[in-house]
Amino acid sequence: MPSAKLKQTTVTIENQNSEFRANGQVILFPGYMKVYVEGKDDPKSIVANKENVLPGKKRK
């Protein structure tokens, strides 16, 4: 089974005193991830759809 292909995104916001960094990824091609779900082999684990879409950002 081929590897999954993901697109990584990082947004960094800085000011004089602080830095905020947000990371995310989007699945471009699911590959092996289509048949394998982390925690699926543990009957006590609840598998939920954990995909969340972040809001768009404005560029200056």
Protein backbone atom coordinates (compact mmCIF):
# COMPACT_ATOMS: atom_id res chain seq x y z
CA MET A 1 0.00 0.00 0.00
CA PRO A 2 1.45 3.41 -0.92
CA SER A 3 2.32 6.03 1.66
CA ALA A 4 -0.07 8.83 2.47
CA LYS A 5 0.65 12.29 1.08
CA LEU A 6 0.05 15.27 3.38
CA LYS A 7 0.37 19.03 2.92
CA GLN A 8 1.85 20.71 6.02
CA THR A 9 1.05 24.32 6.90
CA THR A 10 2.60 26.49 9.61
CA VAL A 11 1.52 30.01 10.54
CA THR A 12 3.70 32.08 12.86
CA ILE A 13 2.56 35.37 14.39
CA GLU A 14 5.14 37.42 16.26
CA ASN A 15 5.20 40.67 18.16
CA GLN A 16 7.79 42.27 20.43
CA ASN A 17 7.08 39.99 23.40
CA SER A 18 5.44 36.83 22.07
CA GLU A 19 5.26 34.27 19.33
CA PHE A 20 2.24 32.17 18.39
CA ARG A 21 2.61 29.21 16.04
CA ALA A 22 -0.19 27.04 14.59
CA ASN A 23 0.49 23.87 12.63
CA GLY A 24 -1.85 21.81 10.51
CA GLN A 25 -2.00 19.28 7.73
CA VAL A 26 -4.35 18.30 4.95
CA ILE A 27 -4.53 14.81 3.49
CA LEU A 28 -3.87 14.98 -0.26
CA PHE A 29 -3.82 11.19 -0.76
CA PRO A 30 -4.86 8.84 2.09
CA GLY A 31 -2.71 5.84 1.07
CA TYR A 32 -2.42 3.36 3.98
CA MET A 33 -4.39 5.74 6.23
CA LYS A 34 -7.56 4.76 4.39
CA VAL A 35 -7.45 1.29 5.99
CA TYR A 36 -5.55 2.02 9.23
CA VAL A 37 -6.95 4.13 12.06
CA GLU A 38 -4.85 4.77 15.18
CA GLY A 39 -6.52 3.18 18.22
CA LYS A 40 -8.82 0.98 16.15
CA ASP A 41 -7.17 -2.15 17.56
CA ASP A 42 -8.04 -1.03 21.13
CA PRO A 43 -11.69 -1.94 21.85
CA LYS A 44 -11.87 0.66 24.66
CA SER A 45 -10.77 3.45 22.33
CA ILE A 46 -13.41 5.58 20.64
CA VAL A 47 -12.53 6.38 17.05
CA ALA A 48 -13.98 9.75 16.05
CA ASN A 49 -13.56 12.00 13.08
CA LYS A 50 -10.95 14.41 14.42
CA GLU A 51 -10.58 16.51 11.28
CA ASN A 52 -11.10 20.20 11.94
CA VAL A 53 -10.79 22.96 9.40
CA LEU A 54 -9.09 26.14 10.55
CA PRO A 55 -10.51 29.49 9.46
CA GLY A 56 -8.80 31.41 6.68
CA LYS A 57 -6.21 34.04 7.47
CA LYS A 58 -5.80 37.55 6.09
CA ARG A 59 -2.50 38.67 4.64
CA LYS A 60 -1.31 42.26 4.92
